[in-house]
Amino acid sequence: MEQLRAAARLQIVLGHLGRPSAGAVVAHPTSGTISSASFHPQQFQYTLDNNVLTLEQRKFYEENGFLVIKNLVPDADIQRFRNEFEKICRKEVKPLGLTVMRDVTISKSEYAPSEKMITKVQDFQEDKELFRYCTLPEKTSRHPLHQDLHYFPFRPSDLIVCAWTAMEHISRNNGCLVVLPGTHKGSLKPHDYPKWEGGVNKMFHGIQDYEENKARVHLVMEKGDTVFFHPLLIHGSGQNKTQGFRKAISCHFASADCHYIDVKGTSQENIEKEVVGIAHKFFGAENSVNLKDIWMFRARLVKGERTNL
């Protein structure tokens, strides 16, 4: 049964990869200073030839490391994702392998199971409804400035991209994303927990050294707007100062041409130790496993292979 579900998911994704452009992808400006440089097609490094993005959109991503597409995901899909998230928070559904993360600022006894105490759900590949986000043809807590590549034991980084969709209006008041344009051209920096008052959520590592005066862009987004960004782009999210939520759904795409690396002796060794510790605590993983093993295990789950840690 697992293999049949995974095969169906894979066929949907492959079907979308072969489709022509819908012609509705449009990049829009955001707050802050951004660059628009001139590129010759042979100079493109961070994007592949495709029939979805315009030349101007590719130039923008090449220079800045991100691209916002307005109103990419329809309201009907957003509502379905919200409904499923709320069911998970109420423990009405329990998808296999799903990780539910509680907000560190909320005590265990403060709320009954609900969306008010859950900051994030991840590893939702076995949730049929949420996984639909990863197969769409269109394509709440603060997180310190970081680079997503810190969490990934595979390369090259130029063949990885994140898709992040707003599920409601997101502004500086409720903690929108903030990006440092052009930082995707640099290298992976050391990450660790920031020394913030009140603490920070589990595995929310941040960059330990960066140019504090470097220009930042705050991505104010409406429901359905989607930003795509490079895994080396420095980004984060601010504090939600409102009484409401800041809901978003995201996933990462990596090319089949990527390869795994050993992170021992690198700046990623700290996140490896933490992830392996969690895998051992909750899933009984052997102490000898590493970050590569865990990612390969997750990949096999998506493809429907049976395996053990």
Protein backbone atom coordinates (compact mmCIF):
# COMPACT_ATOMS: atom_id res chain seq x y z
CA MET A 1 0.00 0.00 0.00
CA GLU A 2 2.85 2.42 0.86
CA GLN A 3 4.51 1.74 -2.48
CA LEU A 4 1.26 2.38 -4.36
CA ARG A 5 0.74 5.73 -2.61
CA ALA A 6 4.32 6.80 -3.23
CA ALA A 7 4.16 5.73 -6.86
CA ALA A 8 1.03 7.81 -7.33
CA ARG A 9 2.72 10.87 -5.79
CA LEU A 10 5.75 10.45 -8.02
CA GLN A 11 3.63 10.18 -11.17
CA ILE A 12 1.83 13.43 -10.31
CA VAL A 13 5.13 15.28 -9.82
CA LEU A 14 6.62 13.87 -13.03
CA GLY A 15 3.48 14.82 -14.92
CA HIS A 16 3.76 18.42 -13.83
CA LEU A 17 7.45 18.55 -14.73
CA GLY A 18 6.53 17.74 -18.31
CA ARG A 19 3.77 20.31 -18.64
CA PRO A 20 4.12 23.56 -20.59
CA SER A 21 3.96 26.87 -18.80
CA ALA A 22 0.57 28.12 -17.66
CA GLY A 23 1.64 31.63 -18.66
CA ALA A 24 0.54 33.16 -15.36
CA VAL A 25 3.86 33.41 -13.56
CA VAL A 26 4.67 37.03 -12.83
CA ALA A 27 7.33 38.42 -10.51
CA HIS A 28 6.41 41.42 -8.39
CA PRO A 29 8.55 43.93 -6.50
CA THR A 30 8.88 43.78 -2.72
CA SER A 31 9.86 46.25 -0.01
CA GLY A 32 13.54 47.11 0.13
CA THR A 33 16.38 47.56 -2.33
CA ILE A 34 16.85 44.91 -5.00
CA SER A 35 19.17 44.50 -7.94
CA SER A 36 18.35 43.89 -11.58
CA ALA A 37 21.52 43.07 -13.43
CA SER A 38 22.15 42.27 -17.08
CA PHE A 39 22.82 38.64 -17.97
CA HIS A 40 23.66 36.77 -21.09
CA PRO A 41 21.96 33.33 -21.29
CA GLN A 42 25.35 31.60 -21.01
CA GLN A 43 25.97 33.38 -17.69
CA PHE A 44 23.04 31.81 -15.81
CA GLN A 45 24.32 29.85 -12.81
CA TYR A 46 21.40 29.48 -10.42
CA THR A 47 18.54 28.68 -12.82
CA LEU A 48 18.07 26.04 -15.50
CA ASP A 49 16.60 26.55 -18.95
CA ASN A 50 12.81 26.23 -18.69
CA ASN A 51 9.55 27.34 -20.29
CA VAL A 52 8.04 28.75 -17.07
CA LEU A 53 10.13 31.78 -16.11
CA THR A 54 10.68 34.77 -18.33
CA LEU A 55 14.17 36.06 -19.05
CA GLU A 56 13.62 38.96 -16.64
CA GLN A 57 12.52 36.59 -13.87
CA ARG A 58 15.60 34.45 -14.35
CA LYS A 59 17.81 37.54 -14.23
CA PHE A 60 16.13 38.64 -10.98
CA TYR A 61 16.67 35.24 -9.32
CA GLU A 62 20.26 35.05 -10.53
CA GLU A 63 21.10 38.40 -8.96
CA ASN A 64 18.99 38.30 -5.78
CA GLY A 65 18.50 34.61 -4.98
CA PHE A 66 14.71 34.77 -4.66
CA LEU A 67 11.62 35.41 -6.75
CA VAL A 68 8.07 36.20 -5.57
CA ILE A 69 5.16 34.96 -7.70
CA LYS A 70 1.89 36.68 -6.81
CA ASN A 71 -1.31 34.67 -6.33
CA LEU A 72 0.29 31.41 -7.47
CA VAL A 73 -1.74 29.03 -5.29
CA PRO A 74 -5.58 29.28 -5.53
CA ASP A 75 -7.71 30.13 -2.48
CA ALA A 76 -9.44 26.74 -2.63
CA ASP A 77 -6.12 24.90 -2.20
CA ILE A 78 -5.02 27.22 0.61
CA GLN A 79 -8.25 26.49 2.50
CA ARG A 80 -7.79 22.74 2.10
CA PHE A 81 -4.27 22.98 3.52
CA ARG A 82 -5.54 25.06 6.45
CA ASN A 83 -8.27 22.55 7.22
CA GLU A 84 -5.82 19.64 7.21
CA PHE A 85 -3.35 21.53 9.41
CA GLU A 86 -6.10 22.21 11.96
CA LYS A 87 -7.08 18.53 11.97
CA ILE A 88 -3.47 17.59 12.69
CA CYS A 89 -3.28 20.12 15.53
CA ARG A 90 -6.46 18.64 17.04
CA LYS A 91 -4.98 15.14 16.62
CA GLU A 92 -7.89 14.10 14.42
CA VAL A 93 -5.43 12.73 11.85
CA LYS A 94 -1.96 11.28 12.48
CA PRO A 95 -0.04 10.82 9.21
CA LEU A 96 2.85 8.35 9.27
CA GLY A 97 6.21 9.96 10.00
CA LEU A 98 4.79 13.47 10.58
CA THR A 99 6.73 15.69 13.00
CA VAL A 100 4.62 18.16 15.01
CA MET A 101 6.62 20.95 16.63
CA ARG A 102 5.32 22.86 19.65
CA ASP A 103 6.10 26.56 20.05
CA VAL A 104 8.81 27.01 22.69
CA THR A 105 7.09 30.15 24.03
CA ILE A 106 3.92 28.24 24.97
CA SER A 107 3.81 26.01 28.04
CA LYS A 108 2.53 22.47 27.72
CA SER A 109 -0.44 23.17 29.97
CA GLU A 110 -1.51 26.46 28.42
CA TYR A 111 -3.72 25.10 25.67
CA ALA A 112 -5.57 21.97 24.75
CA PRO A 113 -4.35 20.43 21.44
CA SER A 114 -4.99 23.14 18.84
CA GLU A 115 -3.29 25.36 16.29
CA LYS A 116 -2.46 27.87 19.05
CA MET A 117 0.30 25.69 20.46
CA ILE A 118 1.76 24.20 17.24
CA THR A 119 4.44 26.19 15.46
CA LYS A 120 5.23 23.80 12.61
CA VAL A 121 4.49 20.42 11.08
CA GLN A 122 7.04 18.79 8.79
CA ASP A 123 7.73 15.51 6.99
CA PHE A 124 4.17 15.52 5.63
CA GLN A 125 4.86 13.31 2.61
CA GLU A 126 2.45 10.65 3.94
CA ASP A 127 -0.37 13.16 4.41
CA LYS A 128 -2.26 12.97 1.12
CA GLU A 129 -3.83 16.42 1.51
CA LEU A 130 -0.73 18.38 2.49
CA PHE A 131 1.49 16.58 -0.02
CA ARG A 132 -0.73 18.02 -2.74
CA TYR A 133 1.21 21.26 -2.18
CA CYS A 134 4.38 19.58 -3.50
CA THR A 135 2.52 18.47 -6.63
CA LEU A 136 0.70 21.68 -7.55
CA PRO A 137 1.37 22.52 -11.18
CA GLU A 138 1.44 26.31 -10.46
CA LYS A 139 3.79 26.52 -8.09
CA THR A 140 4.21 31.68 13.17
CA SER A 141 7.17 31.80 15.11
CA ARG A 142 10.29 33.88 14.45
CA HIS A 143 13.25 32.10 12.89
CA PRO A 144 16.72 33.65 13.11
CA LEU A 145 18.54 34.53 9.92
CA HIS A 146 19.76 31.28 8.39
CA GLN A 147 20.55 29.38 5.21
CA ASP A 148 18.46 26.28 4.44
CA LEU A 149 21.52 24.43 3.13
CA HIS A 150 22.65 24.11 6.76
CA TYR A 151 20.07 21.32 7.12
CA PHE A 152 20.84 19.48 3.87
CA PRO A 153 23.60 16.84 3.45
CA PHE A 154 23.50 17.00 -0.34
CA ARG A 155 24.94 19.15 -3.11
CA PRO A 156 25.22 21.04 -5.41
CA SER A 157 23.27 23.87 -3.81
CA ASP A 158 22.41 25.41 -7.18
CA LEU A 159 20.13 22.41 -7.89
CA ILE A 160 17.99 22.97 -4.77
CA VAL A 161 15.15 25.47 -4.38
CA CYS A 162 12.54 26.26 -1.74
CA ALA A 163 8.89 27.10 -2.48
CA TRP A 164 7.19 29.05 0.35
CA THR A 165 3.51 30.02 0.03
CA ALA A 166 1.58 32.45 2.22
CA MET A 167 -1.74 31.01 3.45
CA GLU A 168 -2.98 34.45 4.56
CA HIS A 169 -1.86 38.08 4.47
CA ILE A 170 1.68 38.23 5.85
CA SER A 171 3.35 41.50 6.80
CA ARG A 172 6.01 42.80 9.16
CA ASN A 173 3.40 42.86 11.92
CA ASN A 174 2.83 39.11 11.93
CA GLY A 175 6.35 38.00 11.03
CA CYS A 176 6.90 38.02 7.28
CA LEU A 177 10.01 36.57 5.70
CA VAL A 178 13.04 38.83 5.49
CA VAL A 179 15.77 38.12 2.93
CA LEU A 180 19.26 39.47 2.28
CA PRO A 181 19.40 39.78 -1.53
CA GLY A 182 22.47 38.41 -3.24
CA THR A 183 23.72 36.37 -0.29
CA HIS A 184 23.09 33.15 -2.25
CA LYS A 185 26.36 33.93 -4.07
CA GLY A 186 28.33 33.35 -0.87
CA SER A 187 29.21 30.21 1.06
CA LEU A 188 27.49 28.27 3.82
CA LYS A 189 28.10 29.99 7.15
CA PRO A 190 28.31 28.45 10.66
CA HIS A 191 24.92 28.13 12.40
CA ASP A 192 23.85 27.60 16.01
CA TYR A 193 21.11 28.62 18.44
CA PRO A 194 20.85 32.40 18.94
CA LYS A 195 20.95 33.77 22.48
CA TRP A 196 17.42 35.17 22.40
CA GLU A 197 15.37 36.02 25.45
CA GLY A 198 12.61 33.42 25.77
CA GLY A 199 14.55 30.84 23.79
CA VAL A 200 14.00 29.56 20.29
CA ASN A 201 12.22 26.56 18.81
CA LYS A 202 13.95 23.22 18.33
CA MET A 203 16.45 23.16 15.43
CA PHE A 204 15.82 26.85 14.62
CA HIS A 205 19.53 27.55 14.15
CA GLY A 206 20.79 30.93 13.03
CA ILE A 207 23.91 32.32 11.38
CA GLN A 208 26.55 33.29 13.93
CA ASP A 209 28.29 35.93 11.84
CA TYR A 210 26.80 38.11 9.13
CA GLU A 211 26.87 41.75 8.07
CA GLU A 212 24.21 43.34 10.29
CA ASN A 213 24.15 46.45 8.13
CA LYS A 214 23.53 44.55 4.89
CA ALA A 215 20.34 45.60 3.08
CA ARG A 216 17.27 43.53 3.94
CA VAL A 217 14.03 43.03 2.04
CA HIS A 218 10.79 42.25 3.89
CA LEU A 219 8.49 40.05 1.80
CA VAL A 220 4.96 41.33 2.37
CA MET A 221 2.72 38.70 0.77
CA GLU A 222 -0.95 38.00 0.20
CA LYS A 223 -2.69 34.63 0.43
CA GLY A 224 -1.48 32.42 -2.41
CA ASP A 225 1.69 34.43 -3.12
CA THR A 226 4.73 32.18 -3.41
CA VAL A 227 8.43 32.95 -3.07
CA PHE A 228 11.10 30.66 -4.51
CA PHE A 229 14.60 31.01 -3.12
CA HIS A 230 18.09 29.52 -3.22
CA PRO A 231 19.23 27.39 -0.20
CA LEU A 232 22.21 29.69 0.43
CA LEU A 233 20.06 32.83 0.57
CA ILE A 234 20.19 34.28 4.08
CA HIS A 235 16.63 34.71 5.33
CA GLY A 236 14.49 34.48 8.45
CA SER A 237 11.18 35.59 9.91
CA GLY A 238 10.24 38.15 12.52
CA GLN A 239 8.09 37.95 15.62
CA ASN A 240 4.31 37.77 15.23
CA LYS A 241 3.14 40.88 17.10
CA THR A 242 -0.56 40.28 16.41
CA GLN A 243 -3.19 38.11 18.08
CA GLY A 244 -3.67 36.14 14.87
CA PHE A 245 -1.59 33.59 12.98
CA ARG A 246 1.02 33.69 10.24
CA LYS A 247 0.38 30.50 8.33
CA ALA A 248 2.47 29.32 5.42
CA ILE A 249 3.28 26.05 3.69
CA SER A 250 6.60 25.23 2.09
CA CYS A 251 8.67 22.47 0.55
CA HIS A 252 12.07 22.00 -1.05
CA PHE A 253 12.85 20.57 -4.45
CA ALA A 254 16.22 18.98 -5.23
CA SER A 255 17.41 17.66 -8.57
CA ALA A 256 18.02 13.95 -9.03
CA ASP A 257 21.54 15.05 -10.01
CA CYS A 258 22.29 16.02 -6.40
CA HIS A 259 24.58 13.78 -4.37
CA TYR A 260 24.96 13.15 -0.64
CA ILE A 261 27.97 14.36 1.34
CA ASP A 262 29.46 13.52 4.71
CA VAL A 263 29.08 16.53 7.03
CA LYS A 264 31.54 15.26 9.64
CA GLY A 265 34.12 17.92 10.40
CA THR A 266 32.03 20.69 8.77
CA SER A 267 29.85 23.47 10.17
CA GLN A 268 26.85 21.14 9.68
CA GLU A 269 28.09 18.63 12.24
CA ASN A 270 26.07 20.29 15.04
CA ILE A 271 22.74 19.92 13.23
CA GLU A 272 23.65 16.32 12.37
CA LYS A 273 24.14 15.48 16.06
CA GLU A 274 20.82 17.09 16.93
CA VAL A 275 18.83 15.37 14.18
CA VAL A 276 20.39 11.99 14.96
CA GLY A 277 19.57 12.48 18.64
CA ILE A 278 15.93 13.15 17.82
CA ALA A 279 15.78 10.15 15.48
CA HIS A 280 17.18 7.94 18.23
CA LYS A 281 14.75 9.30 20.85
CA PHE A 282 11.55 9.09 18.84
CA PHE A 283 12.20 6.35 16.30
CA GLY A 284 14.80 4.15 17.97
CA ALA A 285 17.43 4.85 15.32
CA GLU A 286 20.84 3.32 15.88
CA ASN A 287 23.56 5.56 17.31
CA SER A 288 25.72 4.88 14.25
CA VAL A 289 23.38 6.66 11.80
CA ASN A 290 24.25 10.08 10.40
CA LEU A 291 22.48 12.97 8.68
CA LYS A 292 22.94 11.34 5.27
CA ASP A 293 21.30 8.12 6.50
CA ILE A 294 18.27 10.00 7.82
CA TRP A 295 17.78 11.96 4.60
CA MET A 296 18.13 8.77 2.55
CA PHE A 297 15.55 7.14 4.83
CA ARG A 298 13.15 10.04 4.21
CA ALA A 299 13.76 9.82 0.47
CA ARG A 300 12.94 6.11 0.52
CA LEU A 301 9.70 6.82 2.36
CA VAL A 302 8.69 9.23 -0.38
CA LYS A 303 9.52 6.64 -3.06
CA GLY A 304 7.71 3.92 -1.10
CA GLU A 305 10.65 1.71 -0.26
CA ARG A 306 10.60 -0.19 3.03
CA THR A 307 13.69 0.36 5.13
CA ASN A 308 14.87 0.55 8.74
CA LEU A 309 17.23 2.92 10.50
